[in-house]
Amino acid sequence: MRSTAGSTAPTGTAMRPEPADRVRRFSTAERWIHRTTGYLMLVCLVTAACLYLGPLAQLVGRRHLMVTLHEWSGILLPLPFLLGLGSRAFRQDLRRINRFAAYDRQWLRAVRRRQTSYAARPAGKFNAGQKLYAGWIAGAVLMMMFTGLLMWFMGLLPFISRTSAIFVHDLLAWAITVVVLGHMRKARQDPEALLGMRTGYVSRSWARRHHAKWLGEERAKTPAGTDDRRMT
């Protein structure tokens, strides 16, 4: 049963109308996928630090607990993604992330030339930097899982030594830490983007500045008079 501004939900609970100047950016499922993946990644990185850094390991102690948390948070890391494949909105966004358009190359050229105007950096729902980050972090997590399993189950692939697996695992761990911290820093610099991930909605003015092509696509798909809450 579809509700409009000021209508009543099927359960009889009044639904709060969304402001007319906001547009739906992420579905509930997408926000939970992002949040759960972030928590699992945080546990992985914190427990890795407790195992790798001597002073921190002595301060925290409980090495067996840290190892267990690290191993299982790493194993469960892809689970939100796999469960999220049941969400239509999530699958649509995966297709968006996996496609590089001509304007994405323009966005990258503008970054290299340090052009900061919004017109010089056109973007769809995700800009080129976000697409590159998503692809890189997905590949890095898969490699981390692979090397972690080799370390966990010694002899799984006899032709790959444990020393090699540890070296790649540790090197990628440092790289992921740097990249994730950079991702968090960029997110904190854009409160509206954080609001979009927390509530699912962003202002039209922000979308027009940073993701104008996506906003144009959404307008083209949405018939006049359609409730903005159905825009995904």
Protein backbone atom coordinates (compact mmCIF):
# COMPACT_ATOMS: atom_id res chain seq x y z
CA MET A 1 0.00 0.00 0.00
CA ARG A 2 1.66 3.19 -1.14
CA SER A 3 1.53 6.19 1.12
CA THR A 4 1.84 9.84 0.18
CA ALA A 5 2.66 12.87 2.25
CA GLY A 6 0.25 13.10 5.14
CA SER A 7 -1.25 9.64 4.52
CA THR A 8 -1.44 6.76 6.96
CA ALA A 9 0.66 3.60 6.75
CA PRO A 10 -1.08 0.20 6.51
CA THR A 11 -0.46 -0.36 10.22
CA GLY A 12 -2.34 2.81 11.06
CA THR A 13 0.78 4.71 12.06
CA ALA A 14 1.06 8.19 10.55
CA MET A 15 4.09 8.47 8.29
CA ARG A 16 6.14 11.65 8.43
CA PRO A 17 6.22 13.31 5.01
CA GLU A 18 9.65 13.82 3.53
CA PRO A 19 10.64 17.42 2.70
CA ALA A 20 10.11 18.33 -0.94
CA ASP A 21 13.72 19.48 -1.29
CA ARG A 22 15.18 16.03 -0.52
CA VAL A 23 15.71 13.00 -2.73
CA ARG A 24 16.11 9.33 -1.85
CA ARG A 25 19.72 8.20 -2.32
CA PHE A 26 20.02 4.87 -0.49
CA SER A 27 17.49 2.25 0.51
CA THR A 28 17.28 0.83 4.02
CA ALA A 29 18.93 -2.39 2.86
CA GLU A 30 21.85 -0.49 1.33
CA ARG A 31 22.43 1.49 4.49
CA TRP A 32 22.46 -1.66 6.62
CA ILE A 33 24.87 -3.35 4.19
CA HIS A 34 27.24 -0.40 4.40
CA ARG A 35 26.94 -0.12 8.18
CA THR A 36 27.40 -3.83 8.88
CA THR A 37 30.34 -4.11 6.50
CA GLY A 38 31.90 -1.07 8.16
CA TYR A 39 31.57 -2.59 11.63
CA LEU A 40 33.10 -5.88 10.50
CA MET A 41 35.95 -4.03 8.80
CA LEU A 42 36.53 -1.99 11.97
CA VAL A 43 36.73 -5.16 14.08
CA CYS A 44 39.19 -6.64 11.57
CA LEU A 45 41.46 -3.60 11.64
CA VAL A 46 41.35 -3.06 15.41
CA THR A 47 42.03 -6.71 16.24
CA ALA A 48 44.81 -6.79 13.63
CA ALA A 49 46.42 -3.80 15.34
CA CYS A 50 46.11 -5.58 18.71
CA LEU A 51 47.91 -8.60 17.24
CA TYR A 52 50.51 -6.80 15.15
CA LEU A 53 51.61 -3.87 17.31
CA GLY A 54 53.57 -4.99 20.37
CA PRO A 55 52.69 -2.18 22.82
CA LEU A 56 49.00 -2.42 21.93
CA ALA A 57 49.08 -6.21 22.23
CA GLN A 58 50.54 -5.94 25.74
CA LEU A 59 47.98 -3.31 26.73
CA VAL A 60 44.97 -5.31 25.52
CA GLY A 61 46.15 -8.85 26.19
CA ARG A 62 43.64 -11.66 25.49
CA ARG A 63 45.51 -12.72 22.36
CA HIS A 64 43.33 -15.78 21.78
CA LEU A 65 40.18 -13.63 21.87
CA MET A 66 41.74 -11.11 19.45
CA VAL A 67 42.71 -13.91 17.05
CA THR A 68 39.20 -15.39 17.17
CA LEU A 69 37.51 -12.03 16.58
CA HIS A 70 39.91 -11.22 13.76
CA GLU A 71 39.40 -14.52 11.99
CA TRP A 72 35.63 -14.57 12.20
CA SER A 73 35.10 -10.91 11.38
CA GLY A 74 37.21 -11.50 8.28
CA ILE A 75 35.25 -14.61 7.31
CA LEU A 76 31.93 -12.80 7.80
CA LEU A 77 33.01 -9.66 5.93
CA PRO A 78 31.41 -10.66 2.58
CA LEU A 79 28.17 -11.77 4.25
CA PRO A 80 26.37 -8.36 4.18
CA PHE A 81 27.22 -8.07 0.48
CA LEU A 82 25.90 -11.55 -0.30
CA LEU A 83 22.69 -11.00 1.67
CA GLY A 84 22.32 -7.60 0.04
CA LEU A 85 22.06 -9.18 -3.40
CA GLY A 86 18.43 -9.82 -2.52
CA SER A 87 17.84 -6.05 -2.64
CA ARG A 88 16.89 -4.65 -6.04
CA ALA A 89 18.23 -1.20 -5.15
CA PHE A 90 21.58 -2.71 -4.11
CA ARG A 91 21.87 -4.67 -7.37
CA GLN A 92 21.12 -1.52 -9.35
CA ASP A 93 23.85 0.37 -7.52
CA LEU A 94 26.32 -2.46 -8.13
CA ARG A 95 25.67 -2.09 -11.86
CA ARG A 96 26.25 1.65 -11.56
CA ILE A 97 29.55 1.15 -9.72
CA ASN A 98 30.78 -1.40 -12.26
CA ARG A 99 30.26 0.89 -15.25
CA PHE A 100 32.72 3.58 -16.24
CA ALA A 101 31.19 6.29 -18.42
CA ALA A 102 32.81 9.06 -20.46
CA TYR A 103 32.02 11.59 -17.74
CA ASP A 104 33.89 9.44 -15.22
CA ARG A 105 37.05 9.86 -17.28
CA GLN A 106 36.33 13.59 -17.36
CA TRP A 107 36.02 13.53 -13.55
CA LEU A 108 39.44 11.86 -13.24
CA ARG A 109 41.04 14.34 -15.64
CA ALA A 110 39.62 17.21 -13.59
CA VAL A 111 41.06 15.70 -10.40
CA ARG A 112 44.50 15.33 -12.01
CA ARG A 113 44.34 18.95 -13.19
CA ARG A 114 43.04 20.07 -9.77
CA GLN A 115 39.91 21.55 -11.26
CA THR A 116 37.46 22.02 -8.41
CA SER A 117 34.37 23.37 -10.17
CA TYR A 118 31.30 21.11 -10.09
CA ALA A 119 30.89 21.45 -13.86
CA ALA A 120 34.40 20.05 -14.40
CA ARG A 121 33.62 16.97 -12.27
CA PRO A 122 30.39 15.46 -13.59
CA ALA A 123 29.16 12.33 -11.83
CA GLY A 124 26.31 9.88 -11.78
CA LYS A 125 25.14 8.39 -8.51
CA PHE A 126 28.77 7.53 -7.77
CA ASN A 127 31.72 9.54 -8.98
CA ALA A 128 34.80 7.96 -10.53
CA GLY A 129 36.75 8.08 -7.28
CA GLN A 130 34.01 6.18 -5.43
CA LYS A 131 33.91 3.58 -8.21
CA LEU A 132 37.67 3.05 -8.05
CA TYR A 133 37.56 2.81 -4.26
CA ALA A 134 34.75 0.23 -4.34
CA GLY A 135 36.55 -1.92 -6.90
CA TRP A 136 39.88 -1.73 -5.09
CA ILE A 137 38.48 -2.49 -1.63
CA ALA A 138 36.48 -5.45 -2.97
CA GLY A 139 39.60 -6.96 -4.56
CA ALA A 140 41.70 -6.27 -1.47
CA VAL A 141 39.18 -7.91 0.85
CA LEU A 142 39.04 -11.02 -1.34
CA MET A 143 42.85 -11.25 -1.34
CA MET A 144 42.91 -10.76 2.43
CA MET A 145 40.43 -13.59 2.87
CA PHE A 146 42.46 -15.82 0.56
CA THR A 147 45.76 -15.22 2.34
CA GLY A 148 44.06 -15.41 5.73
CA LEU A 149 42.62 -18.84 4.89
CA LEU A 150 46.06 -19.99 3.77
CA MET A 151 47.45 -18.94 7.15
CA TRP A 152 44.52 -20.50 9.02
CA PHE A 153 44.57 -23.81 7.17
CA MET A 154 48.23 -24.56 6.63
CA GLY A 155 48.81 -26.90 3.72
CA LEU A 156 45.69 -25.79 1.84
CA LEU A 157 47.90 -24.87 -1.13
CA PRO A 158 51.32 -26.49 -0.50
CA PHE A 159 53.01 -24.55 -3.33
CA ILE A 160 52.34 -21.23 -1.52
CA SER A 161 54.43 -20.81 1.61
CA ARG A 162 53.00 -19.47 4.84
CA THR A 163 55.67 -16.77 4.83
CA SER A 164 54.46 -15.49 1.46
CA ALA A 165 50.84 -15.49 2.64
CA ILE A 166 51.77 -13.56 5.80
CA PHE A 167 53.76 -11.00 3.79
CA VAL A 168 50.91 -10.30 1.37
CA HIS A 169 48.34 -10.29 4.20
CA ASP A 170 50.31 -7.78 6.27
CA LEU A 171 51.08 -5.55 3.30
CA LEU A 172 47.43 -5.44 2.25
CA ALA A 173 46.35 -4.80 5.83
CA TRP A 174 48.44 -1.62 5.93
CA ALA A 175 47.15 -0.56 2.50
CA ILE A 176 43.52 -1.16 3.51
CA THR A 177 44.02 0.79 6.74
CA VAL A 178 45.36 3.81 4.84
CA VAL A 179 42.64 3.66 2.18
CA VAL A 180 39.79 3.19 4.68
CA LEU A 181 41.05 6.07 6.82
CA GLY A 182 41.16 8.20 3.68
CA HIS A 183 37.60 7.14 2.84
CA MET A 184 36.42 8.07 6.34
CA ARG A 185 38.22 11.42 6.17
CA LYS A 186 36.58 12.30 2.86
CA ALA A 187 33.19 11.28 4.22
CA ARG A 188 33.59 13.48 7.29
CA GLN A 189 34.40 16.42 5.03
CA ASP A 190 30.97 16.09 3.39
CA PRO A 191 28.23 16.10 6.06
CA GLU A 192 25.50 15.83 3.44
CA ALA A 193 26.99 12.59 2.10
CA LEU A 194 27.08 11.21 5.66
CA LEU A 195 23.46 12.25 6.13
CA GLY A 196 22.54 10.38 2.95
CA MET A 197 24.09 7.19 4.27
CA ARG A 198 22.52 7.65 7.71
CA THR A 199 18.98 8.60 6.68
CA GLY A 200 18.83 7.60 3.02
CA TYR A 201 18.03 11.13 1.82
CA VAL A 202 20.11 14.05 0.53
CA SER A 203 19.17 17.56 -0.46
CA ARG A 204 18.43 18.25 -4.10
CA SER A 205 20.91 21.12 -4.10
CA TRP A 206 23.71 18.79 -2.96
CA ALA A 207 22.75 16.16 -5.54
CA ARG A 208 22.66 18.84 -8.24
CA ARG A 209 26.18 19.99 -7.34
CA HIS A 210 27.90 16.64 -6.83
CA HIS A 211 25.82 14.08 -8.76
CA ALA A 212 23.92 16.06 -11.36
CA LYS A 213 23.73 13.23 -13.89
CA TRP A 214 22.19 10.89 -11.32
CA LEU A 215 19.63 13.52 -10.34
CA GLY A 216 18.77 13.98 -14.00
CA GLU A 217 18.32 10.22 -14.42
CA GLU A 218 16.01 10.07 -11.41
CA ARG A 219 13.90 12.94 -12.71
CA ALA A 220 13.58 11.24 -16.08
CA LYS A 221 12.45 7.98 -14.44
CA THR A 222 9.99 9.56 -12.02
CA PRO A 223 6.62 10.68 -13.43
CA ALA A 224 5.37 14.09 -12.43
CA GLY A 225 3.69 14.00 -9.04
CA THR A 226 5.35 10.79 -7.91
CA ASP A 227 6.40 10.73 -4.28
CA ASP A 228 10.17 11.30 -3.94
CA ARG A 229 10.38 8.48 -1.45
CA ARG A 230 10.06 6.01 -4.30
CA MET A 231 13.24 7.32 -5.91
CA THR A 232 16.15 4.96 -5.33
